[in-house]
Amino acid sequence: MKYNFYFIFLILPLLINAQVFRNYSNEFLNIGVDAAALGMSKSVVASVNNVNSIYWNPAGLVGIDDYQGSLMHASYFAGIANYNYAAFALPIDKKSAIGFSVIRFGVDDILNTTELIDNQGNIDFNRISLFSAADYAFNIAYARNLILKDLKFGINAKVIRRIIGDFASSWGFGFDIGIQFDRNNWYFGLMARDITSTFNSWNINQEEFEKIKNAIPNQNQELPQTIEVTKPKIQLGIAKNFKIGRTFNLLSEVDLNMRFLKTNDLLSSNILSIDPAIGFQFDYDKTVYLRAGVGNFQYITEFNNDKSFTLQPNFGLGFKYNGIEVNYALTNIGSVGNTLFSNIFSITIDYRFFRP
């Protein structure tokens, strides 16, 4: 059975090689989870070691000692879209752990006006209906220590469900792999997302498609492709924890987020684009946290073809007491290039503190 799994894992990229790769697919999975991480501009690949490792780097799950749970809610685009996340993790033994998480990103109560005008050209507002466009990701992660105590490995299997009202829906799956190594307050991390080229298979409602097929001349005349293949992405991180006096600590991390395509990132070529992120976490006795970070360094092309440079600052606060950690982040991840900030809240619970 073990060898069958390895065979499938290796042969899968070859089987889907003939499909069309999408430069941007399943982008809702790139938003991020946990207000603590978002307050540090998502630069946590090397240092994350709690239940939220399921998303950021599954290798970090080895750092949990007991049951842990996490919840997050965020609103984007002035409240139009809602992003929700829930996760649970537990140790299997002293060297391994497992975790589960669910992500939903959705826009609800969208007006469906495809039947607003009947065949005679009459407008009937009673024919307007509502629908939702929602993306779901179901994750299961496993992590364990490798040969060296300080070297950890993790894998995340994800099932993706995307629904656009009655118009179309899809199923997809893929794998992420993560590695962490720490020694003497130095932390190193590698996260390979969509390592097997995550793909989605779409099912399009042809009856609904026919209603809009001729709405605009020479537009929407053919059904779109039903297979989306997501290119792999790699994240590298290095972090250092500094002890300041007896009760203060400073954690700093630098991450390099890499895509295999040309983008507007700070460092970009036809083969590889790199978007760096820098984050800081200052805490008092592991109780009160102050976080800041900067990332999403982009070159934006203006209407007159001039290019301007933008970046994205983020800030965060946190408080932990007896196993309950509440975090807040102020970030404009959902509104790149303007000042429409998003307020994000999350809570993480460590059951270890509730045991007698």
Protein backbone atom coordinates (compact mmCIF):
# COMPACT_ATOMS: atom_id res chain seq x y z
CA MET A 1 0.00 0.00 0.00
CA LYS A 2 2.84 2.37 0.87
CA TYR A 3 4.49 1.86 -2.51
CA ASN A 4 1.20 2.40 -4.32
CA PHE A 5 0.87 5.78 -2.62
CA TYR A 6 4.39 6.81 -3.64
CA PHE A 7 3.71 5.72 -7.21
CA ILE A 8 0.54 7.81 -7.42
CA PHE A 9 2.31 10.78 -5.82
CA LEU A 10 5.09 10.68 -8.42
CA ILE A 11 3.01 9.92 -11.50
CA LEU A 12 0.23 12.45 -10.87
CA PRO A 13 2.12 15.47 -12.32
CA LEU A 14 2.74 13.47 -15.50
CA LEU A 15 -0.92 12.57 -15.87
CA ILE A 16 -2.04 16.19 -15.73
CA ASN A 17 0.86 17.60 -17.69
CA ALA A 18 -1.28 17.76 -20.81
CA GLN A 19 -3.86 19.98 -19.09
CA VAL A 20 -3.75 23.76 -19.21
CA PHE A 21 -1.98 25.42 -16.27
CA ARG A 22 -3.64 28.48 -14.76
CA ASN A 23 -1.46 31.32 -13.54
CA TYR A 24 -4.14 32.19 -11.00
CA SER A 25 -6.33 29.38 -9.71
CA ASN A 26 -7.82 28.72 -6.26
CA GLU A 27 -6.56 32.15 -5.21
CA PHE A 28 -8.73 32.12 -2.09
CA LEU A 29 -6.19 29.68 -0.64
CA ASN A 30 -3.52 32.41 -0.79
CA ILE A 31 -5.34 34.84 1.52
CA GLY A 32 -4.02 33.29 4.72
CA VAL A 33 -5.43 32.41 8.14
CA ASP A 34 -4.95 33.53 11.76
CA ALA A 35 -4.80 37.22 12.67
CA ALA A 36 -1.42 36.68 14.34
CA ALA A 37 0.16 35.57 11.06
CA LEU A 38 -1.61 38.23 9.00
CA GLY A 39 -0.38 40.91 11.38
CA MET A 40 3.16 39.80 10.51
CA SER A 41 2.41 40.03 6.76
CA LYS A 42 2.17 36.23 6.56
CA SER A 43 5.89 35.76 7.27
CA VAL A 44 5.52 32.74 9.58
CA VAL A 45 6.58 29.75 7.45
CA ALA A 46 9.67 29.11 9.58
CA SER A 47 8.32 29.92 13.06
CA VAL A 48 4.70 28.71 13.14
CA ASN A 49 4.24 25.87 15.63
CA ASN A 50 0.56 25.65 16.58
CA VAL A 51 -2.74 24.45 15.09
CA ASN A 52 -2.55 27.06 12.32
CA SER A 53 0.47 25.21 10.95
CA ILE A 54 -2.07 23.17 8.99
CA TYR A 55 -2.21 26.11 6.60
CA TRP A 56 1.17 27.84 6.90
CA ASN A 57 3.53 24.86 7.21
CA PRO A 58 2.22 21.47 8.37
CA ALA A 59 5.65 20.57 9.79
CA GLY A 60 4.93 23.01 12.64
CA LEU A 61 2.20 20.73 14.01
CA VAL A 62 4.93 18.81 15.85
CA GLY A 63 5.10 21.80 18.20
CA ILE A 64 1.70 21.20 19.80
CA ASP A 65 1.48 19.39 23.16
CA ASP A 66 -2.29 18.86 23.46
CA TYR A 67 -5.57 19.48 21.65
CA GLN A 68 -5.67 22.86 19.93
CA GLY A 69 -8.45 24.66 18.07
CA SER A 70 -8.61 27.88 16.07
CA LEU A 71 -11.33 30.09 14.59
CA MET A 72 -11.12 33.15 12.35
CA HIS A 73 -13.55 35.49 10.63
CA ALA A 74 -12.73 38.26 8.18
CA SER A 75 -14.69 40.51 5.84
CA TYR A 76 -13.19 41.72 2.58
CA PHE A 77 -14.10 44.25 -0.09
CA ALA A 78 -16.13 46.45 2.29
CA GLY A 79 -18.01 43.47 3.69
CA ILE A 80 -19.05 42.00 0.34
CA ALA A 81 -17.03 38.80 0.84
CA ASN A 82 -16.74 36.75 4.03
CA TYR A 83 -13.82 34.52 4.91
CA ASN A 84 -14.17 31.92 7.66
CA TYR A 85 -11.70 29.36 8.99
CA ALA A 86 -11.82 26.63 11.63
CA ALA A 87 -9.08 24.16 12.58
CA PHE A 88 -8.38 21.41 15.11
CA ALA A 89 -5.13 19.54 15.83
CA LEU A 90 -3.87 16.98 18.31
CA PRO A 91 -0.61 15.14 18.97
CA ILE A 92 -0.43 11.44 18.08
CA ASP A 93 2.67 10.86 20.17
CA LYS A 94 5.78 12.83 21.15
CA LYS A 95 7.06 12.83 17.57
CA SER A 96 3.95 13.29 15.41
CA ALA A 97 0.66 15.17 15.17
CA ILE A 98 -2.40 15.46 12.95
CA GLY A 99 -4.74 18.34 12.13
CA PHE A 100 -7.93 19.20 10.26
CA SER A 101 -9.21 22.53 8.94
CA VAL A 102 -12.02 24.04 6.87
CA ILE A 103 -11.91 27.30 4.90
CA ARG A 104 -14.86 29.07 3.30
CA PHE A 105 -14.57 32.20 1.15
CA GLY A 106 -17.91 33.33 -0.18
CA VAL A 107 -19.95 36.14 -1.66
CA ASP A 108 -23.62 35.67 -0.81
CA ASP A 109 -26.90 37.18 -2.02
CA ILE A 110 -25.69 37.94 -5.54
CA LEU A 111 -28.47 39.13 -7.86
CA ASN A 112 -29.23 36.70 -10.69
CA THR A 113 -30.68 38.83 -13.51
CA THR A 114 -30.37 36.28 -16.32
CA GLU A 115 -34.17 35.98 -16.49
CA LEU A 116 -34.99 39.64 -15.83
CA ILE A 117 -36.13 40.15 -19.43
CA ASP A 118 -38.43 37.58 -21.03
CA ASN A 119 -38.64 36.55 -24.69
CA GLN A 120 -40.96 39.46 -25.49
CA GLY A 121 -38.60 42.02 -24.02
CA ASN A 122 -40.68 42.62 -20.88
CA ILE A 123 -38.89 43.41 -17.63
CA ASP A 124 -40.15 41.50 -14.61
CA PHE A 125 -38.29 42.17 -11.36
CA ASN A 126 -39.98 39.16 -9.78
CA ARG A 127 -37.77 37.01 -11.98
CA ILE A 128 -34.66 38.15 -10.11
CA SER A 129 -33.22 35.53 -7.73
CA LEU A 130 -30.25 35.32 -5.39
CA PHE A 131 -27.26 32.99 -5.43
CA SER A 132 -23.91 32.53 -3.72
CA ALA A 133 -20.39 32.04 -5.04
CA ALA A 134 -18.50 30.06 -2.41
CA ASP A 135 -15.11 28.34 -2.26
CA TYR A 136 -14.35 25.63 0.29
CA ALA A 137 -11.11 23.88 1.25
CA PHE A 138 -11.01 20.81 3.51
CA ASN A 139 -7.53 20.02 4.79
CA ILE A 140 -5.96 17.14 6.68
CA ALA A 141 -2.32 17.48 7.75
CA TYR A 142 0.21 15.13 9.29
CA ALA A 143 3.61 15.99 10.77
CA ARG A 144 6.43 14.21 12.54
CA ASN A 145 10.05 14.60 13.59
CA LEU A 146 12.58 13.13 11.21
CA ILE A 147 15.99 11.65 12.02
CA LEU A 148 17.12 14.78 13.82
CA LYS A 149 15.04 16.07 16.70
CA ASP A 150 15.11 19.60 15.32
CA LEU A 151 14.06 18.57 11.80
CA LYS A 152 10.32 18.30 11.15
CA PHE A 153 8.33 17.23 8.11
CA GLY A 154 4.65 17.74 7.31
CA ILE A 155 2.20 17.05 4.50
CA ASN A 156 -1.19 18.59 3.87
CA ALA A 157 -3.85 16.96 1.67
CA LYS A 158 -6.64 19.26 0.57
CA VAL A 159 -9.99 18.77 -1.10
CA ILE A 160 -11.43 21.84 -2.81
CA ARG A 161 -15.09 22.49 -3.50
CA ARG A 162 -16.16 25.55 -5.50
CA ILE A 163 -19.78 26.49 -6.20
CA ILE A 164 -21.18 29.33 -8.31
CA GLY A 165 -24.92 29.16 -7.66
CA ASP A 166 -26.64 26.78 -10.06
CA PHE A 167 -24.28 27.79 -12.87
CA ALA A 168 -21.18 25.72 -12.15
CA SER A 169 -19.38 23.71 -9.49
CA SER A 170 -16.07 21.91 -9.17
CA TRP A 171 -14.10 19.41 -7.13
CA GLY A 172 -10.35 19.48 -6.79
CA PHE A 173 -7.52 18.07 -4.72
CA GLY A 174 -3.83 18.58 -4.11
CA PHE A 175 -0.95 18.31 -1.66
CA ASP A 176 1.36 20.70 0.20
CA ILE A 177 4.66 19.69 1.79
CA GLY A 178 6.53 21.54 4.52
CA ILE A 179 9.86 21.26 6.36
CA GLN A 180 11.11 23.10 9.44
CA PHE A 181 14.45 23.11 11.23
CA ASP A 182 15.27 25.04 14.40
CA ARG A 183 18.33 25.36 16.59
CA ASN A 184 19.64 27.97 19.03
CA ASN A 185 16.65 30.26 18.51
CA TRP A 186 17.07 30.17 14.72
CA TYR A 187 14.19 28.81 12.63
CA PHE A 188 14.18 27.74 8.99
CA GLY A 189 11.15 26.75 6.94
CA LEU A 190 10.26 25.53 3.46
CA MET A 191 6.67 25.24 2.22
CA ALA A 192 5.87 23.81 -1.23
CA ARG A 193 2.23 24.49 -2.07
CA ASP A 194 0.33 22.55 -4.73
CA ILE A 195 3.38 20.33 -5.09
CA THR A 196 1.46 17.88 -7.29
CA SER A 197 -0.15 20.65 -9.37
CA THR A 198 -3.54 20.98 -7.69
CA PHE A 199 -6.38 20.72 -10.17
CA ASN A 200 -10.11 21.44 -10.26
CA SER A 201 -12.62 19.67 -12.47
CA TRP A 202 -15.63 21.89 -13.27
CA ASN A 203 -19.18 20.82 -14.04
CA ILE A 204 -21.03 23.57 -15.94
CA ASN A 205 -24.84 23.73 -16.05
CA GLN A 206 -25.49 23.94 -19.78
CA GLU A 207 -29.12 25.02 -19.30
CA GLU A 208 -27.98 28.08 -17.36
CA PHE A 209 -25.21 28.67 -19.88
CA GLU A 210 -27.71 28.83 -22.73
CA LYS A 211 -29.51 31.69 -20.97
CA ILE A 212 -26.46 33.96 -21.23
CA LYS A 213 -24.86 32.52 -24.36
CA ASN A 214 -26.24 35.22 -26.67
CA ALA A 215 -26.64 38.03 -24.15
CA ILE A 216 -23.64 39.88 -25.63
CA PRO A 217 -22.82 39.44 -29.35
CA ASN A 218 -19.67 37.39 -29.94
CA GLN A 219 -19.22 36.81 -26.19
CA ASN A 220 -19.70 33.63 -24.12
CA GLN A 221 -20.26 31.57 -27.26
CA GLU A 222 -18.35 28.51 -26.09
CA LEU A 223 -18.25 26.62 -22.85
CA PRO A 224 -15.09 27.41 -20.84
CA GLN A 225 -12.53 24.70 -20.17
CA THR A 226 -13.55 22.41 -17.37
CA ILE A 227 -10.07 21.61 -16.00
CA GLU A 228 -7.97 24.06 -13.99
CA VAL A 229 -4.43 23.13 -12.98
CA THR A 230 -2.73 25.22 -10.30
CA LYS A 231 1.00 25.77 -10.60
CA PRO A 232 3.22 24.91 -7.60
CA LYS A 233 4.43 27.70 -5.32
CA ILE A 234 7.35 27.74 -2.89
CA GLN A 235 7.87 29.72 0.31
CA LEU A 236 11.20 29.98 2.12
CA GLY A 237 11.52 31.47 5.58
CA ILE A 238 14.18 32.25 8.16
CA ALA A 239 13.43 33.57 11.65
CA LYS A 240 15.31 34.49 14.82
CA ASN A 241 14.03 34.85 18.36
CA PHE A 242 15.75 37.43 20.55
CA LYS A 243 15.51 37.47 24.35
CA ILE A 244 15.29 41.03 25.68
CA GLY A 245 15.76 41.14 29.41
CA ARG A 246 13.83 38.68 31.56
CA THR A 247 10.33 39.13 30.22
CA PHE A 248 10.49 40.51 26.67
CA ASN A 249 10.99 38.62 23.41
CA LEU A 250 11.34 39.70 19.79
CA LEU A 251 10.65 37.31 16.93
CA SER A 252 11.61 38.45 13.44
CA GLU A 253 11.14 36.54 10.19
CA VAL A 254 11.83 37.07 6.50
CA ASP A 255 9.98 34.98 3.90
CA LEU A 256 10.40 34.68 0.15
CA ASN A 257 7.18 33.79 -1.67
CA MET A 258 7.95 32.38 -5.11
CA ARG A 259 5.73 31.69 -8.13
CA PHE A 260 6.82 30.13 -11.39
CA LEU A 261 5.42 32.87 -13.63
CA LYS A 262 5.99 36.54 -14.42
CA THR A 263 4.08 38.88 -12.10
CA ASN A 264 4.32 42.44 -10.75
CA ASP A 265 6.36 41.27 -7.77
CA LEU A 266 9.50 43.05 -6.62
CA LEU A 267 11.72 40.47 -8.31
CA SER A 268 10.22 39.05 -11.47
CA SER A 269 11.33 37.18 -14.57
CA ASN A 270 9.67 35.00 -17.16
CA ILE A 271 10.57 31.94 -15.09
CA LEU A 272 10.29 32.99 -11.46
CA SER A 273 8.81 35.84 -9.42
CA ILE A 274 9.70 36.52 -5.79
CA ASP A 275 7.66 38.53 -3.30
CA PRO A 276 9.48 39.06 0.03
CA ALA A 277 7.69 39.58 3.34
CA ILE A 278 9.07 40.77 6.67
CA GLY A 279 7.37 40.36 10.03
CA PHE A 280 8.05 41.17 13.68
CA GLN A 281 6.44 39.99 16.91
CA PHE A 282 7.25 41.69 20.21
CA ASP A 283 5.82 40.13 23.35
CA TYR A 284 5.77 40.63 27.08
CA ASP A 285 6.18 37.33 28.92
CA LYS A 286 4.34 35.43 26.13
CA THR A 287 1.16 37.19 27.26
CA VAL A 288 0.76 40.46 25.36
CA TYR A 289 1.82 40.68 21.70
CA LEU A 290 2.52 43.54 19.33
CA ARG A 291 3.01 42.62 15.68
CA ALA A 292 3.94 44.41 12.46
CA GLY A 293 4.97 43.43 8.98
CA VAL A 294 5.28 44.54 5.41
CA GLY A 295 4.84 42.56 2.22
CA ASN A 296 3.19 42.41 -1.19
CA PHE A 297 5.86 44.55 -2.84
CA GLN A 298 4.40 45.33 -6.26
CA TYR A 299 5.04 47.43 -9.37
CA ILE A 300 1.68 48.84 -10.49
CA THR A 301 1.16 50.06 -14.06
CA GLU A 302 -0.83 53.31 -14.17
CA PHE A 303 -3.25 54.39 -16.91
CA ASN A 304 -0.48 56.41 -18.60
CA ASN A 305 1.76 53.30 -18.56
CA ASP A 306 3.93 54.77 -15.80
CA LYS A 307 4.90 52.29 -13.08
CA SER A 308 4.62 52.97 -9.38
CA PHE A 309 5.89 50.92 -6.45
CA THR A 310 3.52 49.82 -3.69
CA LEU A 311 3.81 47.78 -0.54
CA GLN A 312 1.40 46.53 2.08
CA PRO A 313 1.86 47.28 5.79
CA ASN A 314 0.11 45.20 8.43
CA PHE A 315 -0.29 45.54 12.17
CA GLY A 316 -1.57 43.29 14.91
CA LEU A 317 -2.25 42.84 18.60
CA GLY A 318 -2.64 39.70 20.69
CA PHE A 319 -3.39 38.56 24.21
CA LYS A 320 -2.90 35.09 25.70
CA TYR A 321 -4.09 33.86 29.06
CA ASN A 322 -4.47 30.30 30.36
CA GLY A 323 -4.49 28.70 26.94
CA ILE A 324 -6.80 31.19 25.22
CA GLU A 325 -5.17 33.49 22.67
CA VAL A 326 -7.14 36.29 21.02
CA ASN A 327 -5.54 38.08 18.07
CA TYR A 328 -6.42 41.09 15.95
CA ALA A 329 -4.90 42.28 12.67
CA LEU A 330 -5.36 45.45 10.65
CA THR A 331 -4.50 44.67 7.07
CA ASN A 332 -5.47 45.64 3.53
CA ILE A 333 -4.91 42.22 1.99
CA GLY A 334 -8.35 42.43 0.40
CA SER A 335 -7.80 45.85 -1.14
CA VAL A 336 -4.34 46.09 -2.66
CA GLY A 337 -3.33 49.59 -3.62
CA ASN A 338 -5.82 51.63 -1.56
CA THR A 339 -6.63 52.46 2.05
CA LEU A 340 -9.68 50.23 2.54
CA PHE A 341 -8.37 48.20 5.45
CA SER A 342 -9.73 44.92 6.76
CA ASN A 343 -10.17 44.08 10.44
CA ILE A 344 -9.45 40.45 11.23
CA PHE A 345 -10.08 38.57 14.48
CA SER A 346 -9.06 35.06 15.46
CA ILE A 347 -8.98 32.91 18.56
CA THR A 348 -6.77 29.93 19.37
CA ILE A 349 -7.43 27.58 22.29
CA ASP A 350 -4.86 25.20 23.80
CA TYR A 351 -6.60 22.52 25.87
CA ARG A 352 -3.40 21.79 27.80
CA PHE A 353 -4.16 24.66 30.18
CA PHE A 354 -7.59 23.25 31.02
CA ARG A 355 -6.39 19.88 32.22
CA PRO A 356 -6.30 19.38 36.03
